[in-house]
PDB file of N, CA and C in Angstrom:
ATOM      1  N   MET A   1      73.216  95.705  73.921  1.00  0.00           N
ATOM      2  CA  MET A   1      73.611  94.942  72.424  1.00  0.00           C
ATOM      3  C   MET A   1      75.218  95.239  71.909  1.00  0.00           C
ATOM      4  N   SER A   2      75.848  94.917  71.145  1.00  0.00           N
ATOM      5  CA  SER A   2      77.109  95.128  70.602  1.00  0.00           C
ATOM      6  C   SER A   2      77.110  95.217  69.114  1.00  0.00           C
ATOM      7  N   LYS A   3      78.104  95.997  68.821  1.00  0.00           N
ATOM      8  CA  LYS A   3      78.494  96.343  67.324  1.00  0.00           C
ATOM      9  C   LYS A   3      80.123  95.280  66.834  1.00  0.00           C
ATOM     10  N   MET A   4      79.478  94.395  65.636  1.00  0.00           N
ATOM     11  CA  MET A   4      80.759  93.873  64.729  1.00  0.00           C
ATOM     12  C   MET A   4      81.313  95.366  64.588  1.00  0.00           C
ATOM     13  N   TYR A   5      83.236  94.753  64.653  1.00  0.00           N
ATOM     14  CA  TYR A   5      83.440  95.751  63.378  1.00  0.00           C
ATOM     15  C   TYR A   5      84.782  94.455  62.617  1.00  0.00           C
ATOM     16  N   ASN A   6      85.623  94.975  61.736  1.00  0.00           N
ATOM     17  CA  ASN A   6      86.411  94.411  61.417  1.00  0.00           C
ATOM     18  C   ASN A   6      87.555  95.041  60.947  1.00  0.00           C
ATOM     19  N   VAL A   7      88.788  94.716  61.675  1.00  0.00           N
ATOM     20  CA  VAL A   7      89.909  95.611  61.327  1.00  0.00           C
ATOM     21  C   VAL A   7      90.826  94.134  61.268  1.00  0.00           C
ATOM     22  N   ARG A   8      92.106  95.773  60.290  1.00  0.00           N
ATOM     23  CA  ARG A   8      92.993  93.988  59.745  1.00  0.00           C
ATOM     24  C   ARG A   8      94.005  94.778  60.725  1.00  0.00           C
ATOM     25  N   ILE A   9      94.757  94.604  61.093  1.00  0.00           N
ATOM     26  CA  ILE A   9      96.022  94.172  62.572  1.00  0.00           C
ATOM     27  C   ILE A   9      97.184  93.129  61.704  1.00  0.00           C
ATOM     28  N   PRO A  10      98.482  94.183  62.493  1.00  0.00           N
ATOM     29  CA  PRO A  10      99.862  93.236  61.915  1.00  0.00           C
ATOM     30  C   PRO A  10      99.724  91.786  62.527  1.00  0.00           C
ATOM     31  N   ASP A  11     100.324  91.600  61.697  1.00  0.00           N
ATOM     32  CA  ASP A  11     100.904  89.694  62.443  1.00  0.00           C
ATOM     33  C   ASP A  11     101.376  90.060  63.669  1.00  0.00           C
ATOM     34  N   GLU A  12     102.688  90.404  64.430  1.00  0.00           N
ATOM     35  CA  GLU A  12     103.086  90.575  65.115  1.00  0.00           C
ATOM     36  C   GLU A  12     101.928  90.785  65.990  1.00  0.00           C
ATOM     37  N   LEU A  13     100.905  92.084  65.650  1.00  0.00           N
ATOM     38  CA  LEU A  13      99.780  92.227  66.788  1.00  0.00           C
ATOM     39  C   LEU A  13      99.166  91.437  66.905  1.00  0.00           C
ATOM     40  N   ALA A  14      98.793  90.507  65.980  1.00  0.00           N
ATOM     41  CA  ALA A  14      97.827  89.181  65.676  1.00  0.00           C
ATOM     42  C   ALA A  14      98.568  88.283  67.207  1.00  0.00           C
ATOM     43  N   ASP A  15      99.447  88.201  66.546  1.00  0.00           N
ATOM     44  CA  ASP A  15     100.942  87.190  67.341  1.00  0.00           C
ATOM     45  C   ASP A  15     100.022  87.275  68.879  1.00  0.00           C
ATOM     46  N   LYS A  16     100.070  88.707  69.733  1.00  0.00           N
ATOM     47  CA  LYS A  16     100.001  88.800  70.595  1.00  0.00           C
ATOM     48  C   LYS A  16      99.470  88.420  71.760  1.00  0.00           C
ATOM     49  N   VAL A  17      97.890  89.034  70.475  1.00  0.00           N
ATOM     50  CA  VAL A  17      96.766  89.339  71.195  1.00  0.00           C
ATOM     51  C   VAL A  17      97.071  87.329  71.352  1.00  0.00           C
ATOM     52  N   GLU A  18      97.134  86.849  70.021  1.00  0.00           N
ATOM     53  CA  GLU A  18      96.810  85.562  70.398  1.00  0.00           C
ATOM     54  C   GLU A  18      97.833  84.833  72.112  1.00  0.00           C
ATOM     55  N   GLU A  19      98.671  85.315  71.995  1.00  0.00           N
ATOM     56  CA  GLU A  19      99.156  84.948  73.079  1.00  0.00           C
ATOM     57  C   GLU A  19      98.817  85.241  74.321  1.00  0.00           C
ATOM     58  N   ILE A  20      98.473  85.970  74.439  1.00  0.00           N
ATOM     59  CA  ILE A  20      97.527  86.959  75.757  1.00  0.00           C
ATOM     60  C   ILE A  20      96.240  85.874  76.040  1.00  0.00           C
ATOM     61  N   ALA A  21      95.718  85.637  74.934  1.00  0.00           N
ATOM     62  CA  ALA A  21      94.159  85.466  75.133  1.00  0.00           C
ATOM     63  C   ALA A  21      94.595  83.978  75.633  1.00  0.00           C
ATOM     64  N   GLU A  22      95.442  83.253  74.967  1.00  0.00           N
ATOM     65  CA  GLU A  22      95.988  81.219  75.493  1.00  0.00           C
ATOM     66  C   GLU A  22      95.998  81.782  76.912  1.00  0.00           C
ATOM     67  N   GLU A  23      96.993  82.412  77.037  1.00  0.00           N
ATOM     68  CA  GLU A  23      97.216  82.205  78.454  1.00  0.00           C
ATOM     69  C   GLU A  23      96.495  82.557  79.646  1.00  0.00           C
ATOM     70  N   LEU A  24      95.769  83.967  79.231  1.00  0.00           N
ATOM     71  CA  LEU A  24      94.410  84.203  80.187  1.00  0.00           C
ATOM     72  C   LEU A  24      93.341  83.027  80.277  1.00  0.00           C
ATOM     73  N   ASP A  25      93.803  81.974  78.821  1.00  0.00           N
ATOM     74  CA  ASP A  25      92.320  81.950  78.765  1.00  0.00           C
ATOM     75  C   ASP A  25      91.255  82.199  78.584  1.00  0.00           C
ATOM     76  N   ARG A  26      91.022  82.801  77.299  1.00  0.00           N
ATOM     77  CA  ARG A  26      90.209  84.273  77.606  1.00  0.00           C
ATOM     78  C   ARG A  26      90.002  83.893  75.904  1.00  0.00           C
ATOM     79  N   SER A  27      88.970  84.540  75.128  1.00  0.00           N
ATOM     80  CA  SER A  27      88.735  84.977  73.659  1.00  0.00           C
ATOM     81  C   SER A  27      89.458  85.647  73.202  1.00  0.00           C
ATOM     82  N   LYS A  28      89.860  85.672  71.649  1.00  0.00           N
ATOM     83  CA  LYS A  28      90.734  87.024  71.265  1.00  0.00           C
ATOM     84  C   LYS A  28      90.359  87.839  71.403  1.00  0.00           C
ATOM     85  N   SER A  29      89.087  87.835  71.456  1.00  0.00           N
ATOM     86  CA  SER A  29      87.921  88.666  70.907  1.00  0.00           C
ATOM     87  C   SER A  29      87.352  89.715  72.477  1.00  0.00           C
ATOM     88  N   TYR A  30      87.976  88.975  73.283  1.00  0.00           N
ATOM     89  CA  TYR A  30      87.091  89.601  74.891  1.00  0.00           C
ATOM     90  C   TYR A  30      88.798  90.099  74.930  1.00  0.00           C
ATOM     91  N   ILE A  31      90.216  89.732  75.053  1.00  0.00           N
ATOM     92  CA  ILE A  31      91.232  90.915  74.948  1.00  0.00           C
ATOM     93  C   ILE A  31      91.234  91.822  74.346  1.00  0.00           C
ATOM     94  N   VAL A  32      90.700  92.079  73.057  1.00  0.00           N
ATOM     95  CA  VAL A  32      90.648  93.513  72.407  1.00  0.00           C
ATOM     96  C   VAL A  32      89.978  93.896  72.867  1.00  0.00           C
ATOM     97  N   LYS A  33      88.352  93.980  72.923  1.00  0.00           N
ATOM     98  CA  LYS A  33      87.642  94.009  73.248  1.00  0.00           C
ATOM     99  C   LYS A  33      87.557  94.965  74.780  1.00  0.00           C
ATOM    100  N   LYS A  34      88.540  94.072  76.068  1.00  0.00           N
ATOM    101  CA  LYS A  34      89.513  94.784  77.299  1.00  0.00           C
ATOM    102  C   LYS A  34      90.871  96.071  77.100  1.00  0.00           C
ATOM    103  N   ALA A  35      91.591  96.107  75.997  1.00  0.00           N
ATOM    104  CA  ALA A  35      92.573  96.421  74.975  1.00  0.00           C
ATOM    105  C   ALA A  35      91.311  98.269  74.725  1.00  0.00           C
ATOM    106  N   LEU A  36      90.625  98.385  74.047  1.00  0.00           N
ATOM    107  CA  LEU A  36      89.900  99.148  73.467  1.00  0.00           C
ATOM    108  C   LEU A  36      89.221  99.616  74.317  1.00  0.00           C
ATOM    109  N   GLU A  37      88.466  99.366  75.249  1.00  0.00           N
ATOM    110  CA  GLU A  37      88.154  99.515  77.064  1.00  0.00           C
ATOM    111  C   GLU A  37      88.996 100.805  77.859  1.00  0.00           C
ATOM    112  N   GLU A  38      90.096  99.798  78.011  1.00  0.00           N
ATOM    113  CA  GLU A  38      91.343 100.457  78.533  1.00  0.00           C
ATOM    114  C   GLU A  38      91.954 102.218  77.584  1.00  0.00           C
ATOM    115  N   TYR A  39      92.632 101.643  76.111  1.00  0.00           N
ATOM    116  CA  TYR A  39      92.569 103.046  75.306  1.00  0.00           C
ATOM    117  C   TYR A  39      91.362 103.913  75.502  1.00  0.00           C
ATOM    118  N   ALA A  40      90.161 103.468  74.699  1.00  0.00           N
ATOM    119  CA  ALA A  40      89.341 104.512  75.393  1.00  0.00           C
ATOM    120  C   ALA A  40      89.070 105.153  76.993  1.00  0.00           C
ATOM    121  N   SER A  41      88.791 104.624  77.900  1.00  0.00           N
ATOM    122  CA  SER A  41      89.286 105.884  79.475  1.00  0.00           C
ATOM    123  C   SER A  41      90.866 106.358  79.063  1.00  0.00           C
ATOM    124  N   GLU A  42      91.958 105.614  78.753  1.00  0.00           N
ATOM    125  CA  GLU A  42      93.112 106.929  78.499  1.00  0.00           C
ATOM    126  C   GLU A  42      92.917 107.577  77.723  1.00  0.00           C
ATOM    127  N   TYR A  43      91.980 108.164  77.032  1.00  0.00           N
ATOM    128  CA  TYR A  43      93.069 108.925  75.690  1.00  0.00           C
ATOM    129  C   TYR A  43      91.213 109.043  76.606  1.00  0.00           C
ATOM    130  N   ALA A  44      90.156 109.699  76.972  1.00  0.00           N
ATOM    131  CA  ALA A  44      89.290 110.579  77.573  1.00  0.00           C
ATOM    132  C   ALA A  44      89.813 111.573  79.081  1.00  0.00           C
ATOM    133  N   ASP A  45      90.924 110.377  79.371  1.00  0.00           N
ATOM    134  CA  ASP A  45      91.196 111.145  80.642  1.00  0.00           C
ATOM    135  C   ASP A  45      92.432 112.381  79.857  1.00  0.00           C
ATOM    136  N   GLY A  46      93.274 111.670  79.054  1.00  0.00           N
ATOM    137  CA  GLY A  46      93.852 112.764  78.222  1.00  0.00           C
ATOM    138  C   GLY A  46      93.157 114.150  77.652  1.00  0.00           C
ATOM    139  N   LEU A  47      92.165 113.546  77.289  1.00  0.00           N
ATOM    140  CA  LEU A  47      91.544 114.786  76.667  1.00  0.00           C
ATOM    141  C   LEU A  47      90.758 115.097  77.687  1.00  0.00           C
ATOM    142  N   ILE A  48      90.369 115.565  79.272  1.00  0.00           N
ATOM    143  CA  ILE A  48      90.000 116.087  80.103  1.00  0.00           C
ATOM    144  C   ILE A  48      91.072 116.834  81.008  1.00  0.00           C
ATOM    145  N   ALA A  49      93.007 116.304  81.001  1.00  0.00           N
ATOM    146  CA  ALA A  49      93.980 116.755  81.070  1.00  0.00           C
ATOM    147  C   ALA A  49      93.887 117.508  80.514  1.00  0.00           C
ATOM    148  N   LEU A  50      93.500 117.569  78.874  1.00  0.00           N
ATOM    149  CA  LEU A  50      94.102 118.714  77.852  1.00  0.00           C
ATOM    150  C   LEU A  50      93.543 120.029  77.981  1.00  0.00           C
ATOM    151  N   LYS A  51      92.298 119.468  78.088  1.00  0.00           N
ATOM    152  CA  LYS A  51      91.355 120.832  78.923  1.00  0.00           C
ATOM    153  C   LYS A  51      92.036 121.799  80.038  1.00  0.00           C
ATOM    154  N   ARG A  52      91.628 120.990  80.731  1.00  0.00           N
ATOM    155  CA  ARG A  52      91.818 121.576  82.515  1.00  0.00           C
ATOM    156  C   ARG A  52      93.380 122.475  82.135  1.00  0.00           C
ATOM    157  N   SER A  53      94.183 121.830  81.394  1.00  0.00           N
ATOM    158  CA  SER A  53      95.569 122.455  81.076  1.00  0.00           C
ATOM    159  C   SER A  53      95.268 123.707  80.070  1.00  0.00           C
ATOM    160  N   LYS A  54      94.599 123.910  79.670  1.00  0.00           N
ATOM    161  CA  LYS A  54      93.902 125.395  79.067  1.00  0.00           C
ATOM    162  C   LYS A  54      93.540 126.277  79.173  1.00  0.00           C
ATOM    163  N   ASP A  55      92.621 125.549  80.339  1.00  0.00           N
ATOM    164  CA  ASP A  55      91.803 126.846  81.531  1.00  0.00           C
ATOM    165  C   ASP A  55      92.404 127.564  81.800  1.00  0.00           C
ATOM    166  N   LYS A  56      92.337 128.725  81.898  1.00  0.00           N
ATOM    167  CA  LYS A  56      92.773 129.872  82.602  1.00  0.00           C
ATOM    168  C   LYS A  56      92.700 129.779  84.165  1.00  0.00           C
ATOM    169  N   ASN A  57      90.855 129.800  84.098  1.00  0.00           N
ATOM    170  CA  ASN A  57      90.606 129.855  85.806  1.00  0.00           C
ATOM    171  C   ASN A  57      90.408 128.666  86.212  1.00  0.00           C
ATOM    172  N   ASP A  58      90.680 126.927  86.109  1.00  0.00           N
ATOM    173  CA  ASP A  58      91.289 126.498  86.658  1.00  0.00           C
ATOM    174  C   ASP A  58      92.557 126.530  87.105  1.00  0.00           C
ATOM    175  N   LYS A  59      92.416 126.613  89.055  1.00  0.00           N
ATOM    176  CA  LYS A  59      93.523 126.152  89.984  1.00  0.00           C
ATOM    177  C   LYS A  59      94.234 125.589  90.020  1.00  0.00           C
ATOM    178  N   ILE A  60      95.489 125.323  89.177  1.00  0.00           N
ATOM    179  CA  ILE A  60      96.521 123.843  89.774  1.00  0.00           C
ATOM    180  C   ILE A  60      97.235 124.278  91.041  1.00  0.00           C
ATOM    181  N   ILE A  61      97.289 123.784  91.445  1.00  0.00           N
ATOM    182  CA  ILE A  61      97.647 123.607  93.244  1.00  0.00           C
ATOM    183  C   ILE A  61      98.925 121.851  92.889  1.00  0.00           C
ATOM    184  N   THR A  62     100.114 122.841  93.753  1.00  0.00           N
ATOM    185  CA  THR A  62     101.233 122.114  93.977  1.00  0.00           C
ATOM    186  C   THR A  62     100.910 120.163  94.657  1.00  0.00           C
ATOM    187  N   LEU A  63     102.236 119.212  94.546  1.00  0.00           N
ATOM    188  CA  LEU A  63     101.642 118.489  95.560  1.00  0.00           C
ATOM    189  C   LEU A  63     101.676 118.464  97.290  1.00  0.00           C
ATOM    190  N   LYS A  64     102.182 119.336  96.976  1.00  0.00           N
ATOM    191  CA  LYS A  64     103.275 119.902  98.916  1.00  0.00           C
ATOM    192  C   LYS A  64     100.902 120.806  99.272  1.00  0.00           C
ATOM    193  N   GLU A  65     100.512 121.231  98.327  1.00  0.00           N
ATOM    194  CA  GLU A  65      99.718 121.779  98.859  1.00  0.00           C
ATOM    195  C   GLU A  65      98.385 121.525  98.590  1.00  0.00           C
ATOM    196  N   MET A  66      98.153 119.305  98.301  1.00  0.00           N
ATOM    197  CA  MET A  66      97.418 119.021  98.284  1.00  0.00           C
ATOM    198  C   MET A  66      97.814 117.927  99.344  1.00  0.00           C
ATOM    199  N   ARG A  67      98.831 117.702  99.889  1.00  0.00           N
ATOM    200  CA  ARG A  67      99.188 117.175 100.797  1.00  0.00           C
ATOM    201  C   ARG A  67      98.476 117.959 102.178  1.00  0.00           C
ATOM    202  N   LYS A  68      98.620 119.365 102.464  1.00  0.00           N
ATOM    203  CA  LYS A  68      98.564 119.587 102.795  1.00  0.00           C
ATOM    204  C   LYS A  68      97.016 119.871 103.338  1.00  0.00           C
ATOM    205  N   LYS A  69      96.120 120.289 102.106  1.00  0.00           N
ATOM    206  CA  LYS A  69      95.001 120.242 102.041  1.00  0.00           C
ATOM    207  C   LYS A  69      93.662 118.839 102.637  1.00  0.00           C
ATOM    208  N   PHE A  70      94.606 117.628 102.615  1.00  0.00           N
ATOM    209  CA  PHE A  70      94.248 116.358 102.870  1.00  0.00           C
ATOM    210  C   PHE A  70      94.417 115.778 103.770  1.00  0.00           C
ATOM    211  N   GLY A  71      95.634 116.800 104.594  1.00  0.00           N
ATOM    212  CA  GLY A  71      96.621 116.289 105.357  1.00  0.00           C
ATOM    213  C   GLY A  71      97.111 114.702 105.578  1.00  0.00           C
ATOM    214  N   ILE A  72      97.507 114.996 104.234  1.00  0.00           N
ATOM    215  CA  ILE A  72      98.611 114.013 103.911  1.00  0.00           C
ATOM    216  C   ILE A  72      99.892 114.169 104.427  1.00  0.00           C
TER     217      ILE A  72
END
């Protein structure tokens, strides 16, 4: 099931969405949906990183330590 949202976007952004949709031979709805999926994923990753950075019990290791641990 899906829901419909009505949003207003600036003309410049609408033009970019149209250009991308035409170039990829996809609908504007598809382009907007994919953009929102990517944004939501990145936002969630950012929240996880922020929470971890504030957690005093979450050990932070250096890149050198990580490479040693994984044998890289």
